Protein backbone atom coordinates (compact mmCIF):
# COMPACT_ATOMS: atom_id res chain seq x y z
CA MET A 1 29.09 32.68 -2.27
CA THR A 2 31.56 31.66 0.88
CA LYS A 3 32.92 27.88 0.84
CA ALA A 4 30.66 27.45 3.87
CA SER A 5 27.42 28.47 1.91
CA ARG A 6 28.72 26.30 -1.16
CA ARG A 7 28.94 23.27 1.25
CA LEU A 8 25.60 23.66 2.73
CA LYS A 9 23.78 24.04 -0.89
CA THR A 10 25.78 20.94 -1.97
CA ALA A 11 24.27 18.79 1.18
CA TRP A 12 20.85 20.44 0.70
CA ILE A 13 21.20 19.12 -2.86
CA CYS A 14 22.45 16.04 -2.06
CA SER A 15 19.89 15.40 0.61
CA VAL A 16 16.64 16.09 -1.84
CA ALA A 17 17.97 13.83 -4.27
CA ALA A 18 18.69 11.13 -1.70
CA PHE A 19 15.28 11.30 -0.58
CA ALA A 20 13.85 11.28 -3.88
CA VAL A 21 15.76 8.26 -4.94
CA ILE A 22 15.23 6.44 -2.02
CA THR A 23 11.40 7.26 -1.69
CA CYS A 24 10.91 6.71 -5.47
CA THR A 25 12.57 3.29 -5.54
CA LEU A 26 11.29 1.52 -2.04
CA THR A 27 7.86 2.66 -2.77
CA ALA A 28 7.91 1.00 -6.82
CA TRP A 29 9.06 -2.39 -5.54
CA ALA A 30 7.53 -2.74 -2.14
CA GLY A 31 5.11 -4.61 -4.06
CA THR A 32 7.10 -7.74 -4.76
CA LEU A 33 7.26 -8.22 -0.76
CA ASP A 34 4.67 -10.27 0.81
CA PRO A 35 2.95 -8.41 3.55
CA SER A 36 1.99 -11.42 5.50
CA ARG A 37 5.91 -11.53 6.01
CA TRP A 38 6.88 -8.47 5.68
CA GLY A 39 3.81 -6.33 7.58
CA ALA A 40 2.06 -3.22 6.82
CA TRP A 41 5.14 -1.13 5.91
CA ALA A 42 5.23 -2.52 2.36
CA GLU A 43 1.72 -1.86 1.95
CA MET A 44 1.97 1.52 3.08
CA CYS A 45 4.73 2.63 0.71
CA VAL A 46 2.94 1.18 -2.12
CA LEU A 47 -0.02 3.39 -1.47
CA ALA A 48 2.31 6.17 -1.27
CA PHE A 49 4.23 5.45 -4.95
CA PRO A 50 1.96 7.92 -7.11
CA ALA A 51 3.06 10.88 -4.60
CA ALA A 52 6.70 9.64 -4.31
CA TRP A 53 6.89 8.98 -8.12
CA MET A 54 5.29 12.48 -9.12
CA LEU A 55 7.58 14.13 -6.14
CA ALA A 56 10.90 12.32 -8.02
CA LEU A 57 10.08 13.86 -11.02
CA LEU A 58 9.19 17.05 -10.28
CA VAL A 59 12.65 17.14 -8.26
CA CYS A 60 14.18 15.86 -11.74
CA ILE A 61 13.35 18.42 -13.62
CA CYS A 62 14.16 21.58 -10.88
CA PHE A 63 17.42 19.94 -10.71
CA ALA A 64 17.60 19.84 -15.02
CA ALA A 65 16.54 23.51 -14.86
CA ARG A 66 19.24 24.33 -12.57
CA CYS A 67 21.66 22.39 -14.37
CA ARG A 68 22.55 20.10 -11.21
CA TRP A 69 23.44 17.18 -13.76
CA ALA A 70 25.01 15.12 -11.12
CA ALA A 71 21.51 15.21 -8.96
CA CYS A 72 19.04 15.15 -12.11
CA ALA A 73 21.03 11.87 -13.58
CA ALA A 74 20.62 10.29 -10.10
CA VAL A 75 17.03 10.99 -9.45
CA ALA A 76 16.26 10.19 -13.71
CA LEU A 77 17.90 6.99 -12.79
CA ALA A 78 15.72 6.21 -9.99
CA LEU A 79 12.10 7.35 -11.96
CA ALA A 80 13.68 4.78 -14.66
CA VAL A 81 13.93 2.26 -12.20
CA ALA A 82 10.55 2.79 -10.98
CA TRP A 83 8.99 2.91 -14.22
CA PRO A 84 7.66 -0.47 -14.78
CA MET A 85 5.20 0.25 -11.49
CA ALA A 86 4.64 3.96 -13.23
CA LYS A 87 3.48 2.40 -16.06
CA VAL A 88 0.81 0.00 -14.39
CA THR A 89 -0.07 3.02 -12.08
CA PHE A 90 -0.77 5.33 -14.17
CA ALA A 91 -1.80 3.07 -17.33
CA LEU A 92 1.07 4.33 -19.68
CA GLU A 93 0.89 1.80 -22.47
CA HIS A 94 -2.85 1.14 -23.19
CA ILE A 95 -2.04 1.85 -26.51
CA SER A 96 0.49 -0.35 -27.22
CA ARG A 97 -1.17 -3.32 -25.53
CA GLN A 98 -4.79 -2.70 -26.51
CA GLN A 99 -6.15 -5.36 -28.48
CA GLN A 100 -8.61 -6.05 -31.37
CA SER A 101 -10.86 -8.59 -31.60
CA ASP A 102 -13.08 -9.80 -34.52
CA SER A 103 -15.34 -11.24 -32.43
CA SER A 104 -19.13 -10.62 -33.19
CA PHE A 105 -20.01 -10.95 -29.80
CA THR A 106 -19.67 -8.27 -27.15
CA VAL A 107 -20.31 -7.93 -23.48
CA LYS A 108 -20.24 -4.74 -21.22
CA VAL A 109 -19.75 -5.51 -17.23
CA MET A 110 -20.00 -3.47 -14.48
CA SER A 111 -18.16 -4.09 -11.40
CA TYR A 112 -19.67 -1.66 -8.59
CA ASN A 113 -18.62 -1.45 -4.41
CA VAL A 114 -22.72 -0.41 -4.08
CA HIS A 115 -21.96 -0.27 0.15
CA GLY A 116 -25.02 -1.91 1.26
CA PHE A 117 -26.78 0.60 -1.21
CA ASN A 118 -26.73 3.28 1.37
CA ALA A 119 -29.98 1.88 2.58
CA GLU A 120 -29.70 3.92 5.70
CA ASP A 121 -28.82 7.31 3.99
CA HIS A 122 -31.03 10.29 4.07
CA ARG A 123 -30.44 10.63 0.41
CA VAL A 124 -32.23 7.88 -0.71
CA LYS A 125 -35.47 8.49 1.49
CA ASN A 126 -38.47 9.32 -0.56
CA ARG A 127 -36.87 8.60 -3.85
CA PRO A 128 -35.93 5.48 -6.15
CA ASN A 129 -32.48 4.34 -4.68
CA ILE A 130 -29.66 6.32 -6.52
CA THR A 131 -27.05 3.71 -6.54
CA MET A 132 -29.34 0.96 -7.85
CA GLU A 133 -30.80 3.43 -10.47
CA ALA A 134 -26.64 3.81 -11.35
CA VAL A 135 -26.77 0.20 -12.01
CA VAL A 136 -29.92 0.44 -13.96
CA GLN A 137 -29.18 3.33 -16.06
CA SER A 138 -25.73 1.52 -17.02
CA GLY A 139 -26.76 -0.78 -19.63
CA ALA A 140 -24.47 -3.51 -18.55
CA ASP A 141 -25.22 -6.77 -19.66
CA ILE A 142 -23.58 -8.23 -16.48
CA VAL A 143 -23.31 -6.46 -12.99
CA ALA A 144 -21.02 -7.83 -10.42
CA LEU A 145 -21.57 -6.24 -6.91
CA GLN A 146 -19.71 -6.00 -3.84
CA GLU A 147 -20.55 -5.64 -0.36
CA ALA A 148 -24.39 -6.07 -1.27
CA VAL A 149 -25.02 -6.78 2.14
CA TYR A 150 -28.54 -5.42 2.39
CA TYR A 151 -29.11 -7.20 -1.27
CA GLY A 152 -31.37 -10.04 -1.77
CA TRP A 153 -34.73 -10.26 -3.36
CA ASN A 154 -36.46 -9.38 -0.28
CA TYR A 155 -36.69 -5.59 -1.09
CA ALA A 156 -39.14 -4.75 2.28
CA ASP A 157 -36.07 -4.06 4.00
CA ILE A 158 -35.07 -1.11 1.55
CA PRO A 159 -38.17 1.00 0.56
CA SER A 160 -35.96 3.16 -1.82
CA MET A 161 -35.66 -0.02 -4.20
CA ALA A 162 -39.55 -0.63 -4.58
CA PRO A 163 -39.62 1.67 -8.05
CA LEU A 164 -36.97 -0.25 -9.37
CA LEU A 165 -37.92 -3.81 -8.80
CA ASP A 166 -39.60 -4.87 -12.05
CA THR A 167 -37.09 -2.73 -14.31
CA ILE A 168 -34.07 -4.84 -12.02
CA ARG A 169 -36.24 -8.07 -12.79
CA ALA A 170 -36.83 -7.86 -16.57
CA THR A 171 -33.35 -6.49 -17.07
CA TYR A 172 -31.29 -9.25 -15.04
CA PRO A 173 -33.73 -12.47 -15.18
CA TYR A 174 -30.34 -14.37 -13.73
CA ARG A 175 -29.78 -13.05 -10.19
CA THR A 176 -27.96 -14.83 -7.22
CA GLU A 177 -30.10 -14.35 -4.05
CA ASP A 178 -27.38 -15.61 -1.25
CA HIS A 179 -27.99 -13.37 1.81
CA SER A 180 -24.98 -14.14 3.66
CA ALA A 181 -22.64 -13.15 0.59
CA LYS A 182 -20.52 -10.08 0.02
CA VAL A 183 -20.83 -10.37 -3.40
CA THR A 184 -23.99 -10.62 -5.94
CA LEU A 185 -24.32 -10.76 -9.53
CA LEU A 186 -27.01 -9.67 -11.80
CA SER A 187 -26.86 -10.97 -15.34
CA ARG A 188 -28.82 -10.92 -18.71
CA TYR A 189 -27.63 -14.37 -19.34
CA PRO A 190 -27.89 -18.11 -17.68
CA PHE A 191 -24.83 -19.15 -15.00
CA THR A 192 -23.98 -21.69 -12.83
CA SER A 193 -21.75 -20.89 -9.84
CA THR A 194 -18.93 -21.90 -7.72
CA LYS A 195 -18.04 -20.40 -4.08
CA LEU A 196 -14.14 -19.80 -3.95
CA VAL A 197 -14.05 -17.69 -0.48
CA ASN A 198 -15.61 -18.31 2.48
CA ARG A 199 -14.66 -16.94 5.88
CA PRO A 200 -16.16 -16.46 9.10
CA VAL A 201 -17.20 -13.21 10.43
CA ARG A 202 -19.29 -11.60 12.78
CA ASN A 203 -22.52 -10.25 11.47
CA GLN A 204 -24.17 -6.84 12.81
CA TYR A 205 -26.08 -8.88 15.75
CA GLY A 206 -22.81 -10.51 16.96
CA LYS A 207 -23.53 -13.75 15.43
CA MET A 208 -20.71 -15.49 13.66
CA ILE A 209 -21.81 -16.98 10.05
CA ILE A 210 -19.85 -18.04 7.23
CA ARG A 211 -19.67 -15.23 4.69
CA ASN A 212 -19.10 -15.89 1.00
CA ASP A 213 -16.37 -13.35 -0.28
CA ALA A 214 -15.42 -14.19 -3.79
CA THR A 215 -17.51 -16.59 -5.96
CA ALA A 216 -17.08 -17.84 -10.04
CA TYR A 217 -20.12 -17.64 -12.41
CA ARG A 218 -19.98 -19.79 -15.59
CA ILE A 219 -21.89 -17.35 -17.96
CA GLU A 220 -23.65 -18.93 -21.02
CA LEU A 221 -23.78 -16.26 -23.76
CA PRO A 222 -25.79 -16.25 -26.35
CA ASP A 223 -23.30 -17.04 -29.20
CA GLY A 224 -22.68 -20.55 -27.49
CA LYS A 225 -19.18 -19.45 -25.47
CA GLN A 226 -18.87 -19.62 -21.62
CA LEU A 227 -17.60 -16.96 -19.74
CA THR A 228 -15.99 -17.16 -16.53
CA LEU A 229 -16.59 -14.29 -14.34
CA ILE A 230 -15.23 -14.05 -10.80
CA ASN A 231 -16.78 -11.83 -8.26
CA ALA A 232 -14.62 -10.59 -5.56
CA TYR A 233 -14.59 -8.71 -2.42
CA MET A 234 -11.43 -8.75 -0.41
CA ALA A 235 -10.69 -7.79 2.71
CA SER A 236 -10.62 -4.54 3.81
CA TYR A 237 -9.16 -2.63 6.90
CA GLU A 238 -12.41 -2.25 8.62
CA LEU A 239 -11.53 1.20 9.63
CA SER A 240 -14.48 2.94 12.02
CA PRO A 241 -15.04 6.50 11.35
CA ALA A 242 -12.87 7.60 14.25
CA GLU A 243 -9.95 5.59 12.93
CA ARG A 244 -10.31 6.58 9.30
CA LYS A 245 -9.81 10.43 10.73
CA LEU A 246 -6.81 9.14 12.76
CA SER A 247 -5.07 7.30 9.72
CA GLY A 248 -5.80 10.24 7.52
CA LEU A 249 -3.70 13.75 6.96
CA GLY A 250 -2.74 16.01 9.73
CA HIS A 251 -3.79 13.69 12.35
CA ARG A 252 -1.30 11.90 14.99
CA PRO A 253 -2.51 9.09 16.56
CA ASP A 254 -1.15 8.33 20.04
CA ALA A 255 0.58 4.63 20.81
CA THR A 256 -2.46 2.73 21.31
CA ASP A 257 -4.23 3.95 18.54
CA SER A 258 -1.22 2.89 16.42
CA THR A 259 -1.09 -0.31 17.97
CA THR A 260 -4.75 -0.93 16.92
CA LEU A 261 -4.49 0.55 13.57
CA LEU A 262 -1.01 -1.41 13.21
CA GLN A 263 -3.15 -4.86 13.83
CA LYS A 264 -6.37 -4.27 11.81
CA PHE A 265 -3.53 -3.64 8.56
CA ASN A 266 -1.87 -6.41 9.49
CA MET A 267 -4.83 -8.66 9.76
CA ALA A 268 -6.77 -7.45 6.32
CA LEU A 269 -3.50 -8.34 4.65
CA ASN A 270 -3.04 -11.72 6.00
CA VAL A 271 -6.54 -12.43 4.70
CA ARG A 272 -6.27 -10.27 1.53
CA VAL A 273 -3.25 -12.53 0.35
CA SER A 274 -4.75 -15.73 1.42
CA GLN A 275 -7.74 -14.74 -0.52
CA ALA A 276 -5.58 -13.91 -3.78
CA ARG A 277 -3.77 -17.29 -3.62
CA VAL A 278 -7.32 -19.13 -3.82
CA ILE A 279 -8.32 -16.94 -6.18
CA GLY A 280 -4.99 -17.32 -8.77
CA ASP A 281 -5.10 -21.25 -7.78
CA PHE A 282 -8.44 -21.64 -9.73
CA ILE A 283 -7.37 -18.98 -12.40
CA LYS A 284 -4.44 -21.34 -13.18
CA LYS A 285 -6.72 -24.37 -13.62
CA ASN A 286 -9.63 -22.29 -15.46
CA PRO A 287 -7.54 -20.06 -17.68
CA ARG A 288 -9.82 -19.58 -20.39
CA HIS A 289 -12.50 -16.69 -20.97
CA ILE A 290 -12.29 -15.28 -17.76
CA ILE A 291 -12.98 -11.85 -16.35
CA MET A 292 -12.24 -10.73 -12.61
CA CYS A 293 -14.44 -8.16 -10.87
CA CYS A 294 -13.27 -7.39 -7.75
CA ASP A 295 -13.05 -4.58 -4.81
CA MET A 296 -9.58 -5.68 -4.23
CA ASN A 297 -9.17 -3.02 -1.46
CA ASP A 298 -5.57 -2.80 -3.02
CA VAL A 299 -3.58 -0.29 -5.31
CA PRO A 300 -2.25 -1.66 -8.81
CA GLY A 301 1.29 -3.03 -8.21
CA SER A 302 0.53 -4.13 -5.05
CA PHE A 303 1.42 -7.70 -3.97
CA CYS A 304 -2.19 -8.99 -4.38
CA TYR A 305 -2.60 -7.37 -7.88
CA ARG A 306 0.87 -8.77 -8.77
CA MET A 307 -0.65 -12.11 -7.60
CA LEU A 308 -3.45 -12.11 -9.81
CA THR A 309 -2.07 -10.70 -12.96
CA GLY A 310 0.91 -13.26 -12.50
CA SER A 311 -1.47 -15.96 -12.68
CA GLY A 312 -2.12 -14.80 -16.39
CA LEU A 313 -5.13 -12.18 -15.95
CA ARG A 314 -4.50 -8.52 -17.51
CA ASP A 315 -5.97 -5.50 -16.08
CA ALA A 316 -8.72 -3.65 -18.49
CA TYR A 317 -7.86 -0.28 -17.22
CA GLN A 318 -4.06 -0.83 -18.63
CA GLN A 319 -5.53 -1.72 -21.72
CA SER A 320 -7.83 1.06 -22.39
CA GLY A 321 -7.59 3.69 -20.10
CA ILE A 322 -4.75 6.59 -19.25
CA GLY A 323 -3.62 8.51 -16.26
CA TYR A 324 -4.09 8.07 -12.68
CA LEU A 325 -7.53 6.69 -11.21
CA TYR A 326 -9.23 6.56 -8.10
CA THR A 327 -12.35 4.63 -7.48
CA TYR A 328 -12.87 5.05 -3.56
CA ASN A 329 -14.26 8.50 -3.65
CA VAL A 330 -13.52 9.44 0.63
CA GLY A 331 -10.89 11.56 1.38
CA PRO A 332 -7.73 11.74 1.91
CA PHE A 333 -8.03 7.99 0.50
CA TYR A 334 -8.19 8.79 -3.48
CA PHE A 335 -7.00 5.34 -4.27
CA HIS A 336 -7.61 2.75 -7.27
CA LEU A 337 -9.21 0.38 -5.19
CA ASP A 338 -11.69 -1.61 -7.70
CA HIS A 339 -10.15 -3.48 -10.73
CA MET A 340 -11.61 -5.61 -14.11
CA LEU A 341 -9.11 -8.31 -14.80
CA HIS A 342 -9.30 -10.64 -17.83
CA SER A 343 -7.66 -13.29 -19.52
CA SER A 344 -5.45 -13.00 -22.79
CA ASP A 345 -8.66 -14.53 -25.25
CA ILE A 346 -10.56 -11.59 -24.23
CA ALA A 347 -9.99 -8.04 -25.66
CA VAL A 348 -11.39 -5.30 -24.06
CA THR A 349 -12.65 -2.13 -26.30
CA HIS A 350 -13.80 0.41 -23.69
CA PHE A 351 -13.38 1.34 -19.97
CA GLU A 352 -14.75 4.00 -17.92
CA ARG A 353 -15.36 5.08 -14.35
CA PRO A 354 -18.66 7.01 -14.14
CA LYS A 355 -19.05 9.39 -11.16
CA ALA A 356 -22.69 7.69 -10.48
CA GLY A 357 -24.47 6.66 -7.35
CA ILE A 358 -23.40 7.54 -3.88
CA SER A 359 -21.49 4.67 -2.40
CA ASP A 360 -17.95 5.33 -1.42
CA HIS A 361 -16.89 3.46 -4.61
CA TYR A 362 -17.39 4.92 -8.04
CA PRO A 363 -18.61 1.75 -10.45
CA ILE A 364 -16.22 0.62 -13.52
CA VAL A 365 -17.59 -0.35 -16.86
CA ALA A 366 -15.70 -2.07 -19.45
CA THR A 367 -16.99 -3.57 -22.53
CA PHE A 368 -15.22 -7.07 -23.83
CA THR A 369 -15.13 -9.10 -26.42
CA VAL A 370 -14.78 -12.94 -26.23
CA GLN A 371 -12.35 -14.55 -28.93
């Protein structure tokens, strides 16, 4: 090999190592930056972390196989620096962190963004509503629903719900009936509610309404304990189908499209951060026996996620799951957007994400014991 060839090869190795180190480190710690101040780029970096970390791991293995020890060490150091984020993203500490409880009472909770029950979807014509069937069959004691915009107890608007009405009412005698809310609760146990986040939005008719995006429910459990369940729908980017294609893989939006997308990203992030602050303040004032179910529209390790876990909550999936989990199921956006968080005096004994229903989100279900 000539001297020039060796230099070229060395330059290529250094470039690959530098790229792996920078992307891995940047995406791992971008979630510490407030996106309402730093802009959407920080959030985009967080979303890219799983791919960046796996790429860095692959590069490190390749360098080790070729005995490029200096480059391998540099990338390995970046992987180590990013390890706290990797543990959160891939749930790598569930065995050591799982809690045990001698409580005799357990409660099974489902959190599910039902996407309006797909009321207009041709797949639910002339048969019971597929999404609500998944709820009924879950066996959950408490069901926290998000994007339940067609929900209310006037099911005349959703013909496919009629065959399930008797079962729903018998299984969950305690329900919320706020037609303007983005969140809904079905419960076997009685509760009272307090609205935490209300914000003005335009409904489908263009009229401004005040919509409830987060509510705290005080639930009376049969053993006399009181459980606080927070059900939240945090601001989404509200992309149109055309914008989803533009922001997907293999598409290059023009300058106008990019500006529109960036504005939507920044607006949603600002709202989401303010929602997280309100909810976090409530949690700090009411720290005991809390479960939070939410479509966060954000991934583990993001700024909002860090705000909520920093208020004293733990991630149920981190306690009993393992590996990369995605709950949004419309490609190419396979992200972990739906979360269950809980206070330290509640233990999670089981967590699952059934591939049920026909919403654009999968439900998540967890079993808890209240200490």
